[in-house]
């Protein structure tokens, strides 16, 4: 059997006495705090992330399948990035502002074929505890820059292994592969490509805001405990010393970045000195490279439309076609023989509209939950501003039951679930998430789910 039934995990937990489950819940909360797994919701207030008391158990077959999908998507993104330079149709589908184009030109100069390294997480709609998981698997989006929640994946897996696995009579349960090691391996691999072996890595994020996820400082401590040379830096804390990018006098070899190019441009408009960041881009010292900027949701149009078949190898194309939902940029055109605005209006109940370049689940409108007037306004706005929105096939929601603590008692409640996939050449680290809302995202109040693997 290539899956572990979620119902079997539920049955094991339902047999536990309530006092035992209550003690497990307290232990999980304590571990979440001890491991500093929290999210800022407003200035100087830490919201510790809730964690499910029921883990996911995934098989090696599932891990290999998801890894193959994630690796193929990274390769497809790189192909799209290189092809975009010469193809106006791709430039229209994957638009950048004039300021972004300027940064890109300055970064590359004439060296258009230099090594590119991406760090990605693809988010998929799938229920890995069901027999039909492979048939129902659909890609939601690809994140190629600012890949958040890697520490949450790592922490939840360790907590599940140490606290939840002993409650389950299943032999050989282990945590998923280490997402933090996948990131560091990618940075060190890029260092080798550009002649900087055993690099000093700066985890770069905008540190002047107290809102948003809190990961990099905790990741820094983990990395340093493992012997890696890692610092955390705001972009303005980087400068140029003796021709090298530096942080507080320490030369930096690789920037692992959270900000997108649009974020850097916003900082520049606020008066920030980003000369060191620009130098790092020119010297190809950044992971993800600028190729990661094609992680528009419009990338899924390239992967789901036959117009772009020649961009991708035949075997990979067939694999992607099975799992990439119909996605089109909202615009006033006939696309693949269809009047696009008319089609999107007519099929409101089976589509969603998403901002092309936003993240965190913001701005997503589910057609079946949106009035016709609101839907029409979104389409009209998309027509006026091509590239602002995509329309996408509304995927079947995946749900599972979880034990929830209420004043010392336990109720089993249904939750929506989404899976994030970090992958290396032979590693897979999953980010499990659940929510009361169909748009499942940690930034919208979702919870994390620990993932365990079994043979």
Protein backbone atom coordinates (compact mmCIF):
# COMPACT_ATOMS: atom_id res chain seq x y z
CA UNK A 1 0.00 0.00 0.00
CA UNK A 2 1.45 3.35 -1.04
CA UNK A 3 -0.31 5.40 1.66
CA UNK A 4 -1.02 5.23 5.39
CA UNK A 5 -4.77 5.73 6.06
CA UNK A 6 -5.57 8.86 8.05
CA UNK A 7 -8.53 7.03 9.55
CA UNK A 8 -6.17 4.50 11.07
CA UNK A 9 -4.23 7.29 12.80
CA UNK A 10 -7.50 8.74 14.10
CA UNK A 11 -8.58 5.37 15.45
CA UNK A 12 -5.31 5.02 17.37
CA UNK A 13 -5.73 8.44 18.97
CA UNK A 14 -9.41 7.91 19.77
CA UNK A 15 -8.43 4.94 21.92
CA UNK A 16 -6.25 7.11 24.16
CA UNK A 17 -7.81 8.12 27.51
CA UNK A 18 -8.77 11.80 27.65
CA UNK A 19 -6.24 12.59 30.45
CA UNK A 20 -3.45 11.13 28.30
CA UNK A 21 -4.47 13.19 25.27
CA UNK A 22 -4.74 16.27 27.47
CA UNK A 23 -1.19 15.69 28.75
CA UNK A 24 0.04 15.22 25.18
CA UNK A 25 -1.57 18.52 24.19
CA UNK A 26 0.24 20.30 27.03
CA UNK A 27 3.52 18.69 26.03
CA UNK A 28 3.06 19.77 22.40
CA UNK A 29 2.33 23.37 23.47
CA UNK A 30 5.40 23.34 25.66
CA UNK A 31 7.61 22.09 22.84
CA UNK A 32 6.22 24.70 20.44
CA UNK A 33 7.26 27.40 22.92
CA UNK A 34 10.60 25.83 23.74
CA UNK A 35 11.47 25.67 20.07
CA UNK A 36 10.30 29.28 19.56
CA UNK A 37 7.81 28.33 16.88
CA UNK A 38 5.79 31.51 16.76
CA UNK A 39 4.32 34.15 14.50
CA UNK A 40 4.06 37.88 15.15
CA UNK A 41 0.53 39.17 14.71
CA UNK A 42 1.20 42.70 15.89
CA UNK A 43 4.14 44.66 17.20
CA UNK A 44 5.97 42.93 20.06
CA UNK A 45 3.30 40.24 20.53
CA UNK A 46 4.21 36.65 19.71
CA UNK A 47 1.47 34.22 18.71
CA UNK A 48 2.75 30.70 19.23
CA UNK A 49 1.55 28.55 16.39
CA UNK A 50 -1.06 25.95 17.23
CA UNK A 51 -0.04 22.44 16.28
CA UNK A 52 -2.31 19.52 15.45
CA UNK A 53 -2.41 16.62 17.89
CA UNK A 54 -2.72 14.20 14.99
CA UNK A 55 0.31 13.87 12.70
CA UNK A 56 0.38 12.92 9.06
CA UNK A 57 2.15 9.67 8.24
CA UNK A 58 3.60 9.58 4.72
CA UNK A 59 5.16 6.70 2.81
CA UNK A 60 8.39 6.62 0.83
CA UNK A 61 6.34 6.30 -2.36
CA UNK A 62 4.56 9.55 -1.57
CA UNK A 63 7.76 11.33 -0.62
CA UNK A 64 9.43 10.30 -3.88
CA UNK A 65 6.43 11.34 -5.96
CA UNK A 66 6.17 14.77 -4.33
CA UNK A 67 9.92 15.27 -4.59
CA UNK A 68 9.81 14.53 -8.34
CA UNK A 69 7.02 17.08 -8.78
CA UNK A 70 8.88 19.78 -6.83
CA UNK A 71 12.17 19.24 -8.68
CA UNK A 72 10.39 19.29 -12.04
CA UNK A 73 8.64 22.55 -11.17
CA UNK A 74 11.96 24.22 -10.32
CA UNK A 75 13.37 23.08 -13.64
CA UNK A 76 10.28 24.38 -15.46
CA UNK A 77 10.60 27.76 -13.75
CA UNK A 78 14.22 28.07 -14.90
CA UNK A 79 13.22 27.20 -18.46
CA UNK A 80 10.51 29.87 -18.36
CA UNK A 81 12.99 32.43 -16.97
CA UNK A 82 15.50 31.87 -19.76
CA UNK A 83 12.84 31.75 -22.50
CA UNK A 84 11.21 34.94 -21.24
CA UNK A 85 14.19 37.07 -22.32
CA UNK A 86 13.49 36.37 -26.00
CA UNK A 87 9.71 35.91 -26.06
CA UNK A 88 7.27 38.84 -25.84
CA UNK A 89 4.38 36.46 -25.12
CA UNK A 90 6.13 35.23 -21.98
CA UNK A 91 7.03 38.79 -20.99
CA UNK A 92 3.32 39.65 -21.19
CA UNK A 93 2.35 36.64 -19.07
CA UNK A 94 5.16 37.14 -16.54
CA UNK A 95 5.30 40.95 -16.33
CA UNK A 96 7.84 42.98 -14.36
CA UNK A 97 7.78 46.68 -13.63
CA UNK A 98 10.26 48.99 -15.33
CA UNK A 99 12.23 49.24 -12.08
CA UNK A 100 12.39 45.46 -11.78
CA UNK A 101 13.63 45.21 -15.36
CA UNK A 102 16.32 47.78 -14.55
CA UNK A 103 17.55 45.75 -11.54
CA UNK A 104 17.61 42.60 -13.67
CA UNK A 105 19.61 44.26 -16.46
CA UNK A 106 22.10 45.68 -13.97
CA UNK A 107 22.45 42.32 -12.21
CA UNK A 108 23.11 40.23 -15.31
CA UNK A 109 24.86 42.58 -17.71
CA UNK A 110 25.86 40.33 -20.60
CA UNK A 111 26.25 37.20 -18.49
CA UNK A 112 22.83 35.72 -19.25
CA UNK A 113 23.76 32.06 -18.80
CA UNK A 114 25.39 32.09 -15.40
CA UNK A 115 24.52 29.42 -12.79
CA UNK A 116 21.08 29.85 -11.23
CA UNK A 117 20.07 28.34 -7.90
CA UNK A 118 16.54 28.39 -6.56
CA UNK A 119 15.09 27.35 -3.21
CA UNK A 120 11.44 26.51 -3.60
CA UNK A 121 8.36 25.19 -1.91
CA UNK A 122 5.41 24.04 -3.97
CA UNK A 123 2.02 24.02 -2.29
CA UNK A 124 -0.30 21.21 -3.30
CA UNK A 125 -3.88 20.22 -2.61
CA UNK A 126 -3.74 16.57 -1.61
CA UNK A 127 -4.89 14.23 1.16
CA UNK A 128 -1.98 11.87 1.71
CA UNK A 129 -4.09 9.70 4.02
CA UNK A 130 -6.46 8.61 1.24
CA UNK A 131 -6.12 5.83 -1.32
CA UNK A 132 -6.80 8.26 -4.20
CA UNK A 133 -4.12 10.77 -3.13
CA UNK A 134 -2.22 10.51 -6.41
CA UNK A 135 -5.27 11.05 -8.62
CA UNK A 136 -6.51 14.04 -6.61
CA UNK A 137 -3.11 15.75 -6.26
CA UNK A 138 -3.17 19.31 -7.68
CA UNK A 139 -0.61 22.11 -7.61
CA UNK A 140 -1.76 25.32 -5.92
CA UNK A 141 1.30 27.53 -6.42
CA UNK A 142 5.08 27.58 -6.59
CA UNK A 143 7.08 29.70 -4.13
CA UNK A 144 10.58 30.48 -5.41
CA UNK A 145 11.48 33.52 -3.28
CA UNK A 146 10.88 34.16 0.40
CA UNK A 147 10.07 30.53 1.09
CA UNK A 148 8.56 30.87 4.54
CA UNK A 149 7.74 28.34 7.24
CA UNK A 150 10.80 26.12 6.70
CA UNK A 151 11.54 26.27 10.42
CA UNK A 152 7.91 25.41 11.18
CA UNK A 153 8.23 22.30 9.01
CA UNK A 154 11.43 21.32 10.80
CA UNK A 155 10.07 22.02 14.29
CA UNK A 156 6.71 20.33 13.77
CA UNK A 157 8.40 17.20 12.44
CA UNK A 158 10.66 16.94 15.49
CA UNK A 159 7.80 17.56 17.92
CA UNK A 160 5.68 14.94 16.17
CA UNK A 161 8.55 12.45 16.36
CA UNK A 162 9.33 13.08 20.03
CA UNK A 163 5.82 13.60 21.44
CA UNK A 164 3.19 12.12 19.11
CA UNK A 165 4.93 9.11 17.59
CA UNK A 166 5.28 7.32 20.98
CA UNK A 167 1.46 7.47 21.27
CA UNK A 168 1.01 5.51 18.02
CA UNK A 169 1.59 1.75 17.74
CA UNK A 170 3.41 2.08 14.41
CA UNK A 171 6.98 0.80 14.10
CA UNK A 172 9.77 2.86 12.61
CA UNK A 173 8.18 6.32 12.50
CA UNK A 174 10.69 9.09 11.82
CA UNK A 175 10.49 12.83 11.23
CA UNK A 176 10.58 14.12 7.69
CA UNK A 177 13.91 15.21 6.20
CA UNK A 178 15.33 18.42 7.65
CA UNK A 179 14.11 21.49 5.71
CA UNK A 180 16.88 23.58 7.25
CA UNK A 181 19.53 21.22 5.89
CA UNK A 182 17.89 21.35 2.45
CA UNK A 183 18.23 25.15 2.49
CA UNK A 184 21.84 25.08 3.65
CA UNK A 185 22.76 22.41 1.10
CA UNK A 186 21.30 24.62 -1.63
CA UNK A 187 23.33 27.63 -0.44
CA UNK A 188 26.53 25.61 -0.23
CA UNK A 189 25.89 24.07 -3.65
CA UNK A 190 25.57 27.57 -5.13
CA UNK A 191 28.73 28.61 -3.32
CA UNK A 192 30.60 25.79 -5.10
CA UNK A 193 29.15 26.89 -8.46
CA UNK A 194 30.55 30.40 -8.07
CA UNK A 195 33.87 29.41 -6.46
CA UNK A 196 32.98 30.12 -2.82
CA UNK A 197 33.26 26.80 -1.02
CA UNK A 198 32.20 26.48 2.61
CA UNK A 199 30.44 29.86 2.36
CA UNK A 200 29.42 32.28 5.07
CA UNK A 201 25.67 32.69 4.57
CA UNK A 202 23.54 35.71 5.48
CA UNK A 203 19.82 35.04 6.01
CA UNK A 204 18.43 38.31 4.68
CA UNK A 205 15.06 39.64 5.79
CA UNK A 206 13.44 43.00 6.52
CA UNK A 207 14.03 43.12 10.27
CA UNK A 208 12.54 46.54 11.01
CA UNK A 209 9.00 45.18 11.18
CA UNK A 210 7.75 43.31 14.24
CA UNK A 211 4.96 41.72 12.21
CA UNK A 212 5.11 38.52 10.23
CA UNK A 213 6.79 35.14 10.70
CA UNK A 214 9.69 34.77 13.12
CA UNK A 215 12.12 32.21 11.76
CA UNK A 216 15.54 33.49 10.77
CA UNK A 217 16.93 34.25 14.22
CA UNK A 218 15.93 30.80 15.43
CA UNK A 219 17.29 29.21 12.26
CA UNK A 220 20.56 31.07 12.80
CA UNK A 221 20.99 29.50 16.24
CA UNK A 222 20.28 26.03 14.87
CA UNK A 223 22.76 26.50 12.03
CA UNK A 224 25.48 27.86 14.30
CA UNK A 225 25.00 24.95 16.69
CA UNK A 226 25.65 22.68 13.70
CA UNK A 227 28.88 24.48 12.84
CA UNK A 228 27.69 26.55 9.87
CA UNK A 229 28.78 30.17 9.48
CA UNK A 230 25.42 31.93 9.37
CA UNK A 231 24.24 35.44 10.26
CA UNK A 232 20.89 37.20 10.02
CA UNK A 233 20.88 40.60 8.33
CA UNK A 234 18.51 43.34 7.32
CA UNK A 235 19.38 44.52 3.77
CA UNK A 236 20.56 47.90 5.14
CA UNK A 237 22.95 46.12 7.54
CA UNK A 238 24.94 44.86 4.57
CA UNK A 239 27.74 47.03 3.18
CA UNK A 240 30.77 46.72 0.92
CA UNK A 241 34.19 46.27 2.52
CA UNK A 242 37.33 45.86 0.38
CA UNK A 243 35.17 44.95 -2.57
CA UNK A 244 33.19 42.26 -0.72
CA UNK A 245 29.64 42.17 0.63
CA UNK A 246 29.94 42.27 4.42
CA UNK A 247 27.84 42.26 7.57
CA UNK A 248 29.35 44.07 10.57
CA UNK A 249 32.81 43.59 9.10
CA UNK A 250 32.35 39.89 8.28
CA UNK A 251 32.61 39.01 4.56
CA UNK A 252 29.50 37.29 3.23
CA UNK A 253 29.60 34.72 0.42
CA UNK A 254 25.91 33.90 -0.08
CA UNK A 255 22.73 35.85 0.62
CA UNK A 256 19.73 33.61 1.28
CA UNK A 257 16.93 36.09 0.73
CA UNK A 258 13.40 36.50 1.98
CA UNK A 259 12.59 39.82 0.16
CA UNK A 260 11.31 39.74 -3.39
CA UNK A 261 12.58 42.18 -5.99
CA UNK A 262 9.45 44.29 -5.40
CA UNK A 263 10.33 44.37 -1.69
CA UNK A 264 13.85 45.62 -2.47
CA UNK A 265 12.44 48.32 -4.75
CA UNK A 266 10.08 49.45 -1.99
CA UNK A 267 13.04 49.71 0.43
CA UNK A 268 14.99 51.68 -2.15
CA UNK A 269 12.10 54.14 -2.47
CA UNK A 270 12.14 54.56 1.32
CA UNK A 271 15.75 55.71 1.05
CA UNK A 272 17.54 52.47 1.99
CA UNK A 273 21.09 52.04 0.72
CA UNK A 274 21.04 48.70 -1.12
CA UNK A 275 24.39 48.89 -2.89
CA UNK A 276 25.62 45.74 -1.16
CA UNK A 277 22.49 43.80 -2.22
CA UNK A 278 22.93 44.96 -5.81
CA UNK A 279 26.59 43.92 -5.75
CA UNK A 280 25.57 40.47 -4.49
CA UNK A 281 23.08 40.11 -7.35
CA UNK A 282 25.70 41.25 -9.91
CA UNK A 283 28.17 38.68 -8.54
CA UNK A 284 25.52 35.94 -8.48
CA UNK A 285 25.79 35.48 -4.72
CA UNK A 286 22.04 35.29 -4.02
CA UNK A 287 19.74 32.31 -3.39
CA UNK A 288 17.11 32.31 -4.78
CA UNK A 289 18.58 34.02 -7.81
CA UNK A 290 16.54 36.54 -9.80
CA UNK A 291 15.13 33.59 -11.75
CA UNK A 292 12.93 33.04 -8.71
CA UNK A 293 10.96 36.16 -9.62
CA UNK A 294 8.98 34.13 -12.17
CA UNK A 295 7.03 32.51 -9.35
CA UNK A 296 3.95 34.42 -10.51
CA UNK A 297 0.81 32.36 -10.36
CA UNK A 298 0.73 32.99 -14.11
CA UNK A 299 3.54 30.43 -14.35
CA UNK A 300 0.77 27.85 -14.07
CA UNK A 301 -0.70 29.07 -17.37
CA UNK A 302 2.55 28.07 -19.06
CA UNK A 303 2.32 24.66 -17.40
CA UNK A 304 -1.37 24.07 -18.16
CA UNK A 305 -1.74 25.43 -21.72
CA UNK A 306 -0.75 23.45 -24.84
CA UNK A 307 0.58 26.70 -26.36
CA UNK A 308 3.77 26.27 -24.34
CA UNK A 309 4.32 22.54 -24.76
CA UNK A 310 7.63 23.04 -26.57
CA UNK A 311 9.09 24.85 -23.58
CA UNK A 312 9.20 21.66 -21.54
CA UNK A 313 10.41 18.09 -22.10
CA UNK A 314 7.66 15.69 -23.19
CA UNK A 315 7.92 13.31 -20.22
CA UNK A 316 7.93 16.11 -17.65
CA UNK A 317 5.13 17.87 -19.50
CA UNK A 318 2.85 14.86 -19.17
CA UNK A 319 3.60 14.60 -15.44
CA UNK A 320 2.87 18.28 -14.87
CA UNK A 321 -0.31 18.18 -16.95
CA UNK A 322 -1.75 15.57 -14.57
CA UNK A 323 -1.34 17.85 -11.55
CA UNK A 324 -1.39 21.49 -12.71
CA UNK A 325 -4.90 22.99 -12.67
CA UNK A 326 -6.27 25.08 -15.55
CA UNK A 327 -4.94 28.60 -14.91
CA UNK A 328 -5.13 31.72 -17.10
CA UNK A 329 -4.11 35.34 -16.64
CA UNK A 330 -7.24 37.50 -16.67
CA UNK A 331 -7.15 39.62 -19.83
CA UNK A 332 -9.30 40.61 -22.80
CA UNK A 333 -8.16 37.97 -25.28
CA UNK A 334 -9.16 34.74 -26.92
CA UNK A 335 -6.92 32.12 -25.35
CA UNK A 336 -6.78 28.55 -26.65
CA UNK A 337 -9.93 29.22 -28.65
CA UNK A 338 -11.86 30.68 -25.69
CA UNK A 339 -13.07 34.25 -25.10
CA UNK A 340 -11.39 34.49 -21.72
CA UNK A 341 -13.46 37.15 -19.88
CA UNK A 342 -16.71 35.55 -21.05
CA UNK A 343 -15.50 32.10 -20.01
CA UNK A 344 -14.49 33.31 -16.53
CA UNK A 345 -17.88 35.02 -16.04
CA UNK A 346 -19.79 31.96 -17.17
CA UNK A 347 -17.86 29.52 -14.98
CA UNK A 348 -17.79 31.52 -11.73
CA UNK A 349 -18.99 28.57 -9.62
CA UNK A 350 -16.04 26.41 -10.68
CA UNK A 351 -13.22 28.99 -10.60
CA UNK A 352 -11.22 31.12 -8.19
CA UNK A 353 -9.52 34.45 -8.92
CA UNK A 354 -6.14 35.13 -7.29
CA UNK A 355 -3.74 38.07 -7.29
CA UNK A 356 -0.96 37.07 -9.66
CA UNK A 357 1.96 38.13 -7.45
CA UNK A 358 0.64 38.29 -3.90
CA UNK A 359 1.20 35.61 -1.28
CA UNK A 360 -0.04 34.46 2.13
CA UNK A 361 -3.48 33.63 0.77
CA UNK A 362 -4.32 37.32 0.40
CA UNK A 363 -6.95 38.46 -2.07
CA UNK A 364 -8.16 35.01 -3.17
CA UNK A 365 -11.84 34.98 -4.16
CA UNK A 366 -13.70 31.68 -4.49
CA UNK A 367 -16.28 32.07 -7.24
CA UNK A 368 -18.93 29.96 -5.52
CA UNK A 369 -18.67 32.24 -2.46
CA UNK A 370 -18.59 35.51 -4.43
CA UNK A 371 -21.56 37.42 -5.84
CA UNK A 372 -21.88 37.83 -9.60
CA UNK A 373 -21.42 41.60 -9.23
CA UNK A 374 -18.21 41.19 -7.20
CA UNK A 375 -16.93 38.61 -9.68
CA UNK A 376 -17.61 40.88 -12.63
CA UNK A 377 -15.74 43.73 -10.95
CA UNK A 378 -12.68 41.51 -10.48
CA UNK A 379 -12.77 40.45 -14.14
CA UNK A 380 -13.14 44.07 -15.28
CA UNK A 381 -10.19 45.09 -13.12
CA UNK A 382 -8.13 42.25 -14.55
CA UNK A 383 -8.99 43.31 -18.09
CA UNK A 384 -7.94 46.91 -17.32
CA UNK A 385 -4.71 45.69 -15.70
CA UNK A 386 -3.49 42.55 -17.52
CA UNK A 387 -1.22 40.50 -15.30
CA UNK A 388 -2.87 41.56 -12.03
CA UNK A 389 -5.06 38.46 -11.57
CA UNK A 390 -5.25 34.85 -12.62
CA UNK A 391 -8.37 32.72 -12.86
CA UNK A 392 -7.90 29.12 -11.82
CA UNK A 393 -9.89 25.92 -11.66
CA UNK A 394 -11.37 25.62 -8.15
CA UNK A 395 -9.90 22.46 -6.73
CA UNK A 396 -11.74 19.98 -4.51
CA UNK A 397 -11.09 20.85 -0.89
CA UNK A 398 -9.29 18.26 1.20
CA UNK A 399 -10.41 17.79 4.79
CA UNK A 400 -9.44 15.60 7.70
CA UNK A 401 -10.59 15.17 11.31
CA UNK A 402 -8.45 16.32 14.24
CA UNK A 403 -8.79 16.12 18.02
CA UNK A 404 -9.32 19.63 19.41
CA UNK A 405 -9.08 20.52 23.09
CA UNK A 406 -11.96 22.56 24.56
CA UNK A 407 -11.77 23.35 28.30
CA UNK A 408 -10.16 20.01 29.04
CA UNK A 409 -12.51 18.00 26.84
CA UNK A 410 -11.80 16.66 23.35
CA UNK A 411 -13.90 17.18 20.25
CA UNK A 412 -13.05 15.76 16.83
CA UNK A 413 -13.50 18.49 14.23
CA UNK A 414 -13.03 18.68 10.47
CA UNK A 415 -10.31 20.94 9.07
CA UNK A 416 -9.13 21.92 5.60
CA UNK A 417 -5.58 20.79 4.81
CA UNK A 418 -2.78 21.85 2.43
CA UNK A 419 0.72 20.40 1.90
CA UNK A 420 3.93 22.32 1.16
CA UNK A 421 6.84 20.44 -0.41
CA UNK A 422 10.51 21.37 0.06
CA UNK A 423 12.78 19.10 -1.94
CA UNK A 424 16.43 18.38 -2.63
CA UNK A 425 17.97 15.79 -4.97
CA UNK A 426 17.14 12.99 -2.52
CA UNK A 427 15.36 14.81 0.35
CA UNK A 428 11.74 15.68 1.00
CA UNK A 429 10.46 17.89 3.80
CA UNK A 430 6.73 18.50 3.99
CA UNK A 431 4.95 21.42 5.62
CA UNK A 432 1.56 20.28 6.91
CA UNK A 433 -1.09 22.93 7.51
CA UNK A 434 -4.72 22.84 8.57
CA UNK A 435 -7.39 25.51 9.02
CA UNK A 436 -11.08 26.10 9.63
CA UNK A 437 -11.04 28.19 6.42
CA UNK A 438 -10.75 26.70 2.92
CA UNK A 439 -7.86 29.09 2.16
CA UNK A 440 -5.27 27.37 4.35
CA UNK A 441 -2.37 29.59 5.35
CA UNK A 442 -0.40 30.18 8.54
CA UNK A 443 -0.65 33.95 8.04
CA UNK A 444 -4.45 33.59 8.12
CA UNK A 445 -4.54 31.76 11.44
CA UNK A 446 -3.86 28.24 10.27
CA UNK A 447 -2.12 25.57 12.35
CA UNK A 448 0.87 23.39 11.59
CA UNK A 449 0.78 19.60 11.33
CA UNK A 450 3.74 17.40 12.18
CA UNK A 451 4.73 15.00 9.41
CA UNK A 452 6.19 11.54 10.06
CA UNK A 453 7.49 9.08 7.53
CA UNK A 454 7.20 5.34 7.36
CA UNK A 455 8.39 2.72 4.92
